[in-house]
N, C-alpha and C. Protein backbone atom coordinates (compact mmCIF):
# COMPACT_ATOMS: atom_id res chain seq x y z
N MET A 1 0.80 -1.19 0.01
CA MET A 1 -0.18 -0.01 0.12
C MET A 1 0.86 1.20 0.02
N PRO A 2 0.55 2.26 -0.81
CA PRO A 2 1.31 3.53 -1.01
C PRO A 2 1.27 4.25 0.37
N THR A 3 2.44 4.88 0.71
CA THR A 3 2.31 6.12 1.57
C THR A 3 2.61 7.32 1.21
N LEU A 4 2.51 8.46 1.84
CA LEU A 4 2.97 9.82 1.53
C LEU A 4 4.09 10.12 2.25
N PRO A 5 5.15 10.79 1.46
CA PRO A 5 6.21 11.23 2.27
C PRO A 5 6.09 12.51 3.16
N PRO A 6 6.91 12.81 4.01
CA PRO A 6 6.71 14.08 4.67
C PRO A 6 6.59 15.17 3.78
N ILE A 7 5.50 15.97 4.09
CA ILE A 7 5.10 17.19 3.53
C ILE A 7 6.52 18.18 3.42
N THR A 8 7.33 17.99 4.19
CA THR A 8 8.58 18.90 3.96
C THR A 8 9.52 18.55 3.06
N SER A 9 9.13 17.30 2.41
CA SER A 9 10.21 16.75 1.33
C SER A 9 9.67 17.11 -0.12
N LEU A 10 8.45 17.84 -0.17
CA LEU A 10 7.95 17.87 -1.64
C LEU A 10 8.91 18.71 -2.48
N PRO A 11 9.16 20.04 -1.98
CA PRO A 11 10.10 20.96 -2.93
C PRO A 11 11.35 20.27 -3.46
N THR A 12 11.84 19.39 -2.76
CA THR A 12 13.13 18.70 -3.18
C THR A 12 12.81 17.33 -3.88
N SER A 13 11.62 17.13 -4.15
CA SER A 13 11.24 15.94 -4.82
C SER A 13 11.23 16.07 -6.22
N SER A 14 11.43 14.90 -6.96
CA SER A 14 11.39 14.92 -8.30
C SER A 14 9.93 15.30 -8.88
N PRO A 15 9.80 15.76 -10.10
CA PRO A 15 8.60 16.11 -10.81
C PRO A 15 7.70 14.71 -10.82
N SER A 16 8.46 13.64 -11.12
CA SER A 16 7.68 12.23 -11.26
C SER A 16 7.06 11.98 -9.65
N GLN A 17 8.03 12.12 -8.62
CA GLN A 17 7.29 11.86 -7.45
C GLN A 17 6.25 12.81 -6.80
N ARG A 18 6.43 14.20 -7.20
CA ARG A 18 5.12 15.23 -6.81
C ARG A 18 3.84 14.68 -7.72
N ALA A 19 4.05 14.22 -8.99
CA ALA A 19 2.97 13.87 -9.83
C ALA A 19 2.43 12.46 -9.06
N GLN A 20 3.12 11.63 -8.86
CA GLN A 20 2.75 10.56 -7.85
C GLN A 20 1.77 10.81 -6.64
N ILE A 21 2.39 11.95 -5.74
CA ILE A 21 1.45 12.57 -4.73
C ILE A 21 0.21 12.79 -5.14
N LEU A 22 0.18 13.56 -6.39
CA LEU A 22 -1.09 14.37 -6.52
C LEU A 22 -2.21 13.08 -7.14
N ASP A 23 -1.47 12.19 -7.77
CA ASP A 23 -2.32 11.10 -8.26
C ASP A 23 -2.79 10.18 -7.08
N LEU A 24 -2.19 9.97 -6.24
CA LEU A 24 -2.37 9.45 -4.89
C LEU A 24 -3.51 10.26 -4.15
N LEU A 25 -3.41 11.49 -3.90
CA LEU A 25 -4.56 12.32 -3.33
C LEU A 25 -5.64 12.61 -4.09
N PHE A 26 -5.44 12.72 -5.43
CA PHE A 26 -6.69 13.36 -6.24
C PHE A 26 -6.90 12.01 -7.21
N GLU A 27 -6.81 11.99 -8.30
CA GLU A 27 -6.64 10.90 -9.43
C GLU A 27 -5.65 11.15 -10.54
N PRO A 28 -5.11 10.37 -11.08
CA PRO A 28 -4.01 10.49 -12.11
C PRO A 28 -4.80 11.46 -13.11
N SER A 29 -4.21 12.56 -13.48
CA SER A 29 -4.70 13.47 -14.38
C SER A 29 -3.38 14.33 -14.95
N THR A 30 -3.06 14.21 -16.17
CA THR A 30 -1.96 15.00 -16.82
C THR A 30 -2.34 16.51 -16.53
N GLN A 31 -3.40 16.81 -16.73
CA GLN A 31 -3.94 18.50 -16.77
C GLN A 31 -3.75 18.92 -15.18
N LEU A 32 -3.97 18.01 -14.16
CA LEU A 32 -3.72 18.44 -12.79
C LEU A 32 -2.25 18.55 -12.52
N HIS A 33 -1.55 17.62 -13.09
CA HIS A 33 -0.07 17.78 -13.07
C HIS A 33 0.43 18.97 -13.56
N THR A 34 0.08 19.36 -14.65
CA THR A 34 0.35 20.74 -15.51
C THR A 34 0.00 21.88 -14.53
N LEU A 35 -1.03 21.87 -13.96
CA LEU A 35 -1.56 22.94 -13.10
C LEU A 35 -0.78 23.05 -11.80
N SER A 36 -0.66 21.83 -11.09
CA SER A 36 0.00 22.12 -9.75
C SER A 36 1.27 21.55 -9.57
N LEU A 37 1.96 20.93 -10.39
CA LEU A 37 3.34 20.47 -10.06
C LEU A 37 4.23 21.61 -9.54
N PRO A 38 4.21 22.76 -10.39
CA PRO A 38 4.85 23.92 -10.05
C PRO A 38 4.49 24.63 -8.58
N LEU A 39 3.37 24.57 -8.20
CA LEU A 39 2.83 24.82 -6.96
C LEU A 39 3.44 23.84 -5.80
N LEU A 40 3.56 22.60 -6.02
CA LEU A 40 4.17 21.87 -5.03
C LEU A 40 5.72 21.88 -4.89
N HIS A 41 6.28 22.44 -6.04
CA HIS A 41 8.01 22.74 -6.16
C HIS A 41 8.07 23.92 -5.46
N ASP A 42 7.42 25.06 -5.53
CA ASP A 42 7.53 26.32 -5.13
C ASP A 42 7.06 26.72 -3.80
N THR A 43 6.14 26.07 -3.28
CA THR A 43 5.30 26.48 -2.15
C THR A 43 5.85 25.46 -0.95
N PRO A 44 6.40 25.82 0.12
CA PRO A 44 6.47 25.02 1.20
C PRO A 44 5.35 24.98 2.08
N PHE A 45 4.67 23.77 2.15
CA PHE A 45 3.29 23.53 3.05
C PHE A 45 3.55 22.98 4.32
N PRO A 46 2.79 23.59 5.31
CA PRO A 46 2.81 23.08 6.69
C PRO A 46 2.17 21.65 6.73
N SER A 47 1.44 21.33 5.81
CA SER A 47 0.66 20.09 6.06
C SER A 47 -0.09 19.76 4.62
N TYR A 48 -0.55 18.54 4.67
CA TYR A 48 -0.93 18.11 3.25
C TYR A 48 -2.43 18.71 3.19
N ASP A 49 -2.97 18.89 4.24
CA ASP A 49 -4.51 19.69 4.18
C ASP A 49 -4.20 20.98 3.51
N ALA A 50 -3.07 21.60 3.91
CA ALA A 50 -2.77 23.06 3.24
C ALA A 50 -2.41 23.03 1.83
N LEU A 51 -1.79 21.97 1.35
CA LEU A 51 -1.54 21.54 0.04
C LEU A 51 -2.90 21.50 -0.80
N ILE A 52 -3.80 20.42 -0.12
CA ILE A 52 -5.19 20.20 -0.59
C ILE A 52 -5.89 21.38 -0.86
N SER A 53 -5.81 22.31 0.09
CA SER A 53 -6.63 23.56 -0.09
C SER A 53 -5.99 24.61 -1.22
N ALA A 54 -4.67 24.40 -1.07
CA ALA A 54 -4.06 25.30 -2.26
C ALA A 54 -4.33 24.79 -3.69
N VAL A 55 -4.50 23.49 -3.82
CA VAL A 55 -4.90 22.89 -4.99
C VAL A 55 -6.23 23.15 -5.41
N GLY A 56 -7.22 23.14 -4.49
CA GLY A 56 -8.53 23.44 -4.21
C GLY A 56 -8.63 24.87 -4.91
N ALA A 57 -8.03 25.82 -4.30
CA ALA A 57 -8.02 27.17 -4.74
C ALA A 57 -7.69 27.42 -6.45
N GLN A 58 -6.75 26.59 -6.70
CA GLN A 58 -6.34 26.60 -8.38
C GLN A 58 -7.60 26.17 -8.91
N LEU A 59 -8.20 25.10 -8.76
CA LEU A 59 -9.52 24.45 -9.32
C LEU A 59 -10.56 25.40 -9.29
N THR A 60 -10.75 26.11 -7.99
CA THR A 60 -11.73 27.31 -8.19
C THR A 60 -11.49 28.27 -8.98
N ALA A 61 -10.18 28.69 -9.14
CA ALA A 61 -9.98 29.86 -10.05
C ALA A 61 -10.24 29.38 -11.53
N LEU A 62 -9.97 28.20 -11.75
CA LEU A 62 -10.60 27.83 -13.14
C LEU A 62 -11.95 27.74 -13.38
N ALA A 63 -12.61 27.22 -12.19
CA ALA A 63 -14.25 27.29 -12.27
C ALA A 63 -14.71 28.65 -12.63
N GLU A 64 -13.95 29.70 -11.76
CA GLU A 64 -14.47 31.22 -12.04
C GLU A 64 -14.18 31.90 -13.13
N SER A 65 -13.27 31.20 -13.93
CA SER A 65 -12.64 31.85 -15.03
C SER A 65 -13.77 31.89 -16.03
N ALA A 66 -13.83 33.02 -16.94
CA ALA A 66 -14.66 33.05 -18.10
C ALA A 66 -14.12 32.61 -19.45
N SER A 67 -12.67 31.93 -19.14
CA SER A 67 -12.28 31.43 -20.45
C SER A 67 -12.65 30.03 -20.42
N THR A 68 -12.98 29.67 -21.88
CA THR A 68 -13.57 28.36 -22.24
C THR A 68 -12.53 27.26 -22.11
N SER A 69 -11.31 27.77 -22.38
CA SER A 69 -10.16 26.70 -22.27
C SER A 69 -9.92 26.46 -20.86
N ASP A 70 -10.07 27.30 -19.82
CA ASP A 70 -10.02 26.99 -18.53
C ASP A 70 -10.99 26.09 -17.92
N THR A 71 -12.29 26.34 -18.43
CA THR A 71 -13.38 25.39 -18.29
C THR A 71 -13.28 24.03 -18.67
N ARG A 72 -12.63 23.83 -19.75
CA ARG A 72 -12.30 22.52 -20.46
C ARG A 72 -11.29 21.87 -19.65
N TRP A 73 -10.15 22.74 -19.23
CA TRP A 73 -9.00 22.26 -18.54
C TRP A 73 -9.79 21.62 -17.08
N LEU A 74 -10.52 22.31 -16.45
CA LEU A 74 -10.96 21.93 -15.21
C LEU A 74 -11.81 20.65 -15.15
N GLU A 75 -12.77 20.52 -16.36
CA GLU A 75 -13.42 19.65 -16.67
C GLU A 75 -12.59 18.23 -17.04
N SER A 76 -11.58 18.31 -17.38
CA SER A 76 -10.71 17.23 -17.79
C SER A 76 -10.21 16.65 -16.39
N ILE A 77 -9.93 17.62 -15.52
CA ILE A 77 -9.44 17.18 -14.08
C ILE A 77 -10.59 16.52 -13.46
N LEU A 78 -11.62 17.14 -13.41
CA LEU A 78 -12.84 16.46 -12.64
C LEU A 78 -13.23 15.25 -13.21
N CYS A 79 -13.14 14.98 -14.48
CA CYS A 79 -13.60 13.71 -15.12
C CYS A 79 -12.53 12.81 -14.81
N SER A 80 -11.26 13.14 -14.22
CA SER A 80 -10.35 11.86 -13.83
C SER A 80 -10.80 10.99 -12.84
N HIS A 81 -11.82 11.44 -12.12
CA HIS A 81 -12.57 10.60 -11.09
C HIS A 81 -13.48 9.62 -11.86
N PRO A 82 -13.27 8.26 -11.43
CA PRO A 82 -14.36 7.38 -12.13
C PRO A 82 -15.68 7.39 -11.81
N ARG A 83 -16.44 7.05 -12.87
CA ARG A 83 -17.88 7.17 -12.69
C ARG A 83 -18.45 6.18 -11.27
N LEU A 84 -19.20 6.80 -10.68
CA LEU A 84 -19.69 6.10 -9.67
C LEU A 84 -20.33 4.81 -9.87
N GLY A 85 -19.99 3.55 -9.29
CA GLY A 85 -20.40 2.33 -9.54
C GLY A 85 -19.82 1.78 -10.86
N ALA A 86 -18.83 2.24 -11.33
CA ALA A 86 -18.26 1.76 -12.76
C ALA A 86 -17.75 0.33 -12.43
N LYS A 87 -18.00 -0.40 -13.26
CA LYS A 87 -17.23 -1.80 -13.21
C LYS A 87 -15.75 -1.86 -13.08
N SER A 88 -15.16 -1.12 -13.93
CA SER A 88 -13.67 -0.89 -13.99
C SER A 88 -13.06 0.28 -13.48
N VAL A 89 -12.49 0.29 -12.18
CA VAL A 89 -12.40 1.61 -11.52
C VAL A 89 -10.52 1.21 -11.55
N GLU A 90 -9.73 2.22 -12.14
CA GLU A 90 -8.23 1.63 -12.30
C GLU A 90 -7.58 2.19 -10.79
N SER A 91 -8.03 3.25 -10.10
CA SER A 91 -7.57 3.82 -8.78
C SER A 91 -7.74 2.66 -7.72
N ALA A 92 -6.72 2.28 -6.90
CA ALA A 92 -7.00 1.38 -5.99
C ALA A 92 -7.76 2.34 -4.69
N GLN A 93 -7.51 3.54 -4.71
CA GLN A 93 -8.23 4.41 -3.66
C GLN A 93 -9.55 4.56 -4.06
N SER A 94 -9.81 4.77 -5.13
CA SER A 94 -11.33 4.79 -5.64
C SER A 94 -12.00 3.50 -5.54
N ARG A 95 -11.53 2.44 -5.87
CA ARG A 95 -11.94 1.02 -5.88
C ARG A 95 -12.52 0.76 -4.21
N GLY A 96 -11.72 1.10 -3.40
CA GLY A 96 -11.98 0.98 -1.89
C GLY A 96 -12.94 1.74 -1.53
N GLU A 97 -13.04 3.12 -1.94
CA GLU A 97 -13.97 4.15 -1.53
C GLU A 97 -15.38 3.76 -1.95
N GLN A 98 -15.37 3.30 -3.30
CA GLN A 98 -16.57 2.87 -4.19
C GLN A 98 -17.15 1.53 -3.31
N ALA A 99 -16.31 0.77 -2.96
CA ALA A 99 -16.79 -0.40 -2.23
C ALA A 99 -17.93 -0.23 -1.19
N GLY A 100 -17.69 0.76 -0.46
CA GLY A 100 -18.79 1.33 0.60
C GLY A 100 -20.10 1.64 0.17
N LEU A 101 -20.41 1.59 -1.19
CA LEU A 101 -21.71 1.72 -1.66
C LEU A 101 -22.31 0.42 -1.81
N GLY A 102 -21.65 -0.65 -1.41
CA GLY A 102 -22.23 -1.88 -1.44
C GLY A 102 -22.79 -2.46 -2.76
N LEU A 103 -22.03 -2.08 -3.63
CA LEU A 103 -22.54 -2.60 -5.06
C LEU A 103 -22.04 -4.01 -5.44
N GLN A 104 -20.79 -4.26 -4.77
CA GLN A 104 -20.10 -5.75 -4.94
C GLN A 104 -21.31 -6.65 -4.51
N GLY A 105 -21.41 -7.61 -5.30
CA GLY A 105 -22.43 -8.65 -5.04
C GLY A 105 -23.68 -8.39 -5.31
N GLU A 106 -24.34 -7.13 -5.65
CA GLU A 106 -25.56 -6.66 -5.61
C GLU A 106 -26.16 -6.94 -7.04
N GLY A 107 -27.37 -6.84 -7.15
CA GLY A 107 -27.96 -7.27 -8.20
C GLY A 107 -27.75 -6.29 -9.44
N GLU A 108 -27.98 -6.73 -10.69
CA GLU A 108 -27.72 -5.85 -11.81
C GLU A 108 -28.62 -4.52 -11.92
N ARG A 109 -29.88 -4.88 -11.22
CA ARG A 109 -30.81 -3.69 -11.17
C ARG A 109 -30.18 -2.66 -10.50
N GLU A 110 -29.56 -2.61 -9.48
CA GLU A 110 -28.76 -1.30 -8.64
C GLU A 110 -27.84 -0.94 -9.58
N ARG A 111 -26.98 -1.82 -10.11
CA ARG A 111 -25.76 -1.18 -10.97
C ARG A 111 -26.52 -0.46 -12.49
N GLU A 112 -27.40 -0.99 -12.89
CA GLU A 112 -28.13 -0.60 -14.05
C GLU A 112 -28.67 1.00 -13.69
N GLU A 113 -29.58 1.09 -12.35
CA GLU A 113 -29.78 2.37 -11.91
C GLU A 113 -28.65 3.30 -11.99
N LEU A 114 -27.79 3.07 -11.27
CA LEU A 114 -26.71 4.01 -11.19
C LEU A 114 -26.13 4.31 -12.54
N ARG A 115 -25.82 3.38 -13.49
CA ARG A 115 -25.43 3.60 -14.78
C ARG A 115 -26.34 4.57 -15.38
N GLU A 116 -27.69 4.41 -15.35
CA GLU A 116 -28.64 5.46 -15.76
C GLU A 116 -28.61 6.90 -15.11
N LEU A 117 -28.27 6.85 -13.79
CA LEU A 117 -28.19 8.32 -13.22
C LEU A 117 -26.73 8.97 -13.89
N ASN A 118 -25.86 8.20 -14.01
CA ASN A 118 -24.45 8.62 -14.51
C ASN A 118 -24.70 9.19 -15.76
N GLU A 119 -25.52 8.55 -16.61
CA GLU A 119 -25.64 8.99 -18.09
C GLU A 119 -26.59 10.45 -18.00
N ALA A 120 -27.76 10.23 -16.92
CA ALA A 120 -28.66 11.40 -16.96
C ALA A 120 -27.73 12.72 -16.45
N TYR A 121 -26.85 12.46 -15.53
CA TYR A 121 -25.92 13.52 -15.13
C TYR A 121 -25.08 14.13 -15.92
N GLU A 122 -24.40 13.24 -16.74
CA GLU A 122 -23.48 13.78 -17.95
C GLU A 122 -24.30 14.39 -19.00
N ALA A 123 -25.59 13.94 -19.41
CA ALA A 123 -26.45 14.70 -20.25
C ALA A 123 -26.76 16.02 -19.84
N ARG A 124 -26.92 16.26 -18.48
CA ARG A 124 -27.36 17.40 -17.94
C ARG A 124 -26.34 18.19 -17.80
N PHE A 125 -25.15 17.67 -17.49
CA PHE A 125 -23.84 18.66 -17.27
C PHE A 125 -22.95 18.18 -18.35
N PRO A 126 -22.80 18.45 -19.62
CA PRO A 126 -21.71 17.92 -20.55
C PRO A 126 -20.52 18.13 -20.01
N GLY A 127 -19.36 17.31 -20.13
CA GLY A 127 -18.37 17.64 -19.64
C GLY A 127 -17.70 17.27 -18.14
N LEU A 128 -18.85 17.23 -17.56
CA LEU A 128 -18.50 16.72 -15.96
C LEU A 128 -19.13 15.49 -15.72
N ARG A 129 -18.51 15.09 -14.31
CA ARG A 129 -18.74 13.50 -14.08
C ARG A 129 -19.19 13.97 -12.43
N TYR A 130 -20.35 13.26 -12.07
CA TYR A 130 -20.56 13.11 -10.56
C TYR A 130 -19.47 12.80 -9.86
N VAL A 131 -18.94 13.74 -8.80
CA VAL A 131 -18.13 13.43 -7.83
C VAL A 131 -18.67 13.65 -6.74
N VAL A 132 -18.73 12.76 -5.86
CA VAL A 132 -18.89 12.89 -4.49
C VAL A 132 -17.86 12.19 -3.41
N PHE A 133 -17.83 12.64 -2.24
CA PHE A 133 -17.25 12.21 -1.12
C PHE A 133 -18.03 11.03 -0.38
N VAL A 134 -18.03 10.10 -0.85
CA VAL A 134 -19.07 8.84 -0.16
C VAL A 134 -18.82 8.89 1.29
N ASN A 135 -17.86 8.45 1.83
CA ASN A 135 -17.79 8.57 3.40
C ASN A 135 -18.64 7.96 4.14
N GLY A 136 -18.82 6.74 3.62
CA GLY A 136 -19.69 5.79 4.53
C GLY A 136 -21.18 5.86 4.10
N ARG A 137 -21.71 6.79 3.44
CA ARG A 137 -22.94 6.85 3.04
C ARG A 137 -23.39 5.89 2.02
N GLY A 138 -24.52 5.46 2.25
CA GLY A 138 -25.10 4.32 1.46
C GLY A 138 -25.67 4.78 0.28
N ARG A 139 -25.77 3.76 -0.98
CA ARG A 139 -26.19 4.12 -2.39
C ARG A 139 -27.21 4.78 -2.28
N GLY A 140 -28.29 4.60 -1.58
CA GLY A 140 -29.54 5.28 -1.62
C GLY A 140 -29.50 6.73 -1.23
N VAL A 141 -28.56 7.33 -0.22
CA VAL A 141 -28.52 8.64 -0.06
C VAL A 141 -27.81 9.13 -1.22
N ILE A 142 -26.66 8.71 -1.79
CA ILE A 142 -25.97 9.01 -2.94
C ILE A 142 -26.62 9.18 -3.93
N MET A 143 -27.66 8.20 -4.42
CA MET A 143 -28.34 8.42 -5.58
C MET A 143 -29.38 9.27 -5.51
N SER A 144 -29.93 9.54 -4.14
CA SER A 144 -31.00 10.73 -3.92
C SER A 144 -30.27 12.13 -4.19
N ASP A 145 -28.96 12.06 -3.82
CA ASP A 145 -28.22 13.33 -4.08
C ASP A 145 -27.88 13.72 -5.55
N MET A 146 -27.60 12.60 -6.17
CA MET A 146 -27.39 12.77 -7.55
C MET A 146 -28.77 13.00 -8.23
N ARG A 147 -29.77 12.60 -8.00
CA ARG A 147 -30.95 12.99 -8.55
C ARG A 147 -31.31 14.54 -8.14
N ARG A 148 -31.31 14.89 -7.00
CA ARG A 148 -31.39 16.36 -6.64
C ARG A 148 -30.58 17.17 -7.54
N ARG A 149 -29.12 16.76 -7.80
CA ARG A 149 -28.48 17.72 -8.41
C ARG A 149 -28.75 17.60 -9.70
N ILE A 150 -29.00 16.85 -10.35
CA ILE A 150 -29.62 16.87 -11.78
C ILE A 150 -30.69 17.63 -12.06
N GLU A 151 -31.61 17.51 -11.00
CA GLU A 151 -32.97 18.43 -11.04
C GLU A 151 -32.62 19.93 -11.07
N GLU A 152 -31.76 19.97 -10.03
CA GLU A 152 -31.24 21.68 -9.96
C GLU A 152 -30.71 22.28 -11.00
N GLY A 153 -29.70 21.24 -11.72
CA GLY A 153 -29.25 21.87 -13.10
C GLY A 153 -28.26 23.03 -13.14
N ASP A 154 -27.66 23.39 -12.06
CA ASP A 154 -26.77 24.63 -11.96
C ASP A 154 -25.35 24.12 -12.15
N VAL A 155 -24.93 24.31 -13.24
CA VAL A 155 -23.58 23.75 -13.83
C VAL A 155 -22.55 24.38 -12.98
N GLY A 156 -22.74 25.77 -12.75
CA GLY A 156 -21.54 26.41 -11.85
C GLY A 156 -21.56 25.76 -10.54
N GLU A 157 -22.61 25.57 -9.80
CA GLU A 157 -22.69 24.81 -8.71
C GLU A 157 -22.08 23.30 -8.64
N GLU A 158 -22.29 22.72 -9.69
CA GLU A 158 -21.84 21.43 -10.03
C GLU A 158 -20.38 21.37 -9.94
N ARG A 159 -19.75 22.20 -10.76
CA ARG A 159 -18.35 22.57 -10.63
C ARG A 159 -17.65 22.61 -9.37
N ARG A 160 -18.36 23.45 -8.59
CA ARG A 160 -17.87 23.83 -7.18
C ARG A 160 -18.02 22.61 -6.36
N ALA A 161 -19.24 21.81 -6.57
CA ALA A 161 -19.45 20.75 -5.69
C ALA A 161 -18.43 19.64 -5.84
N ALA A 162 -17.93 19.53 -7.14
CA ALA A 162 -17.18 18.45 -7.48
C ALA A 162 -15.73 18.96 -7.04
N ILE A 163 -15.17 20.23 -7.09
CA ILE A 163 -13.94 20.53 -6.57
C ILE A 163 -13.95 20.23 -4.97
N ARG A 164 -15.15 20.57 -4.25
CA ARG A 164 -15.31 20.43 -2.80
C ARG A 164 -14.88 18.88 -2.51
N ALA A 165 -15.84 18.20 -3.38
CA ALA A 165 -15.89 16.56 -3.16
C ALA A 165 -14.35 16.26 -3.45
N MET A 166 -13.68 16.44 -4.62
CA MET A 166 -12.32 16.18 -4.76
C MET A 166 -11.52 16.58 -3.57
N CYS A 167 -11.50 17.56 -2.89
CA CYS A 167 -10.85 18.15 -1.97
C CYS A 167 -11.01 17.26 -0.62
N GLU A 168 -12.46 16.93 -0.61
CA GLU A 168 -12.76 16.00 0.78
C GLU A 168 -12.14 14.79 0.47
N ILE A 169 -12.19 14.24 -0.56
CA ILE A 169 -11.49 12.84 -0.91
C ILE A 169 -10.27 12.99 -0.62
N ALA A 170 -9.44 13.96 -1.27
CA ALA A 170 -8.12 13.84 -1.14
C ALA A 170 -7.55 14.21 0.42
N ALA A 171 -8.21 14.80 1.28
CA ALA A 171 -7.86 15.06 2.75
C ALA A 171 -8.21 13.66 3.25
N ASP A 172 -9.20 13.01 2.80
CA ASP A 172 -9.54 11.58 3.64
C ASP A 172 -8.31 10.75 3.17
N ARG A 173 -8.00 10.65 2.15
CA ARG A 173 -6.77 9.86 1.56
C ARG A 173 -5.58 10.26 2.19
N ALA A 174 -5.34 11.49 2.32
CA ALA A 174 -4.07 11.98 3.06
C ALA A 174 -3.99 11.20 4.43
N LYS A 175 -5.08 11.38 5.27
CA LYS A 175 -5.01 10.88 6.39
C LYS A 175 -4.96 9.43 6.71
N LYS A 176 -5.42 8.65 5.61
CA LYS A 176 -5.18 7.36 5.47
C LYS A 176 -3.87 6.94 5.26
N LEU A 177 -3.24 7.57 4.17
CA LEU A 177 -1.95 7.34 3.72
C LEU A 177 -0.81 7.82 4.64
N LEU A 178 -1.15 8.80 5.39
CA LEU A 178 -0.13 9.12 6.39
C LEU A 178 -0.14 8.17 7.66
N ARG A 179 -1.34 7.73 8.02
CA ARG A 179 -1.68 6.80 9.12
C ARG A 179 -0.70 5.45 8.94
N GLN A 180 -0.45 5.01 7.66
CA GLN A 180 0.12 3.89 7.26
C GLN A 180 1.61 4.02 7.53
N GLU A 181 2.25 5.17 7.82
CA GLU A 181 3.71 5.22 8.04
C GLU A 181 4.08 4.27 9.28
């Protein structure tokens, strides 16, 4: 199981080591590497929570930008998270987090309903993927939240919600990855 190095080692870490840290905390994303690797090199952080907040600020700046290219860049980062309930999830962290939804061993009906909700979400918010910090909540609660967000239809709020969720997920991962040392 991977672990995180001491936060004080980031400025002297290699670019590939810093990219690996971003991948562990968030999800593998070339666009996130391009955006945040200089930050990890140039800024001494007192904690991983401070690093995650700084990355969140970068993502929020993209969300608030009027530039179409910034929006596309942000969306590519947000879509690095796997679809909720996807059969094939590459990231070990995401696999473990999604296991809490109880879809393993469940019937095809539940999986199909979640697939349909993902499709409805992505049709309502082109370029986005539903991202949520599951945090032990059951699939019923998550699916209800997904339906509510689809109905509300506020793309700006969806971008902000996805950024918050990514940062909550990253903070939870940091705690777990630091605990293993």
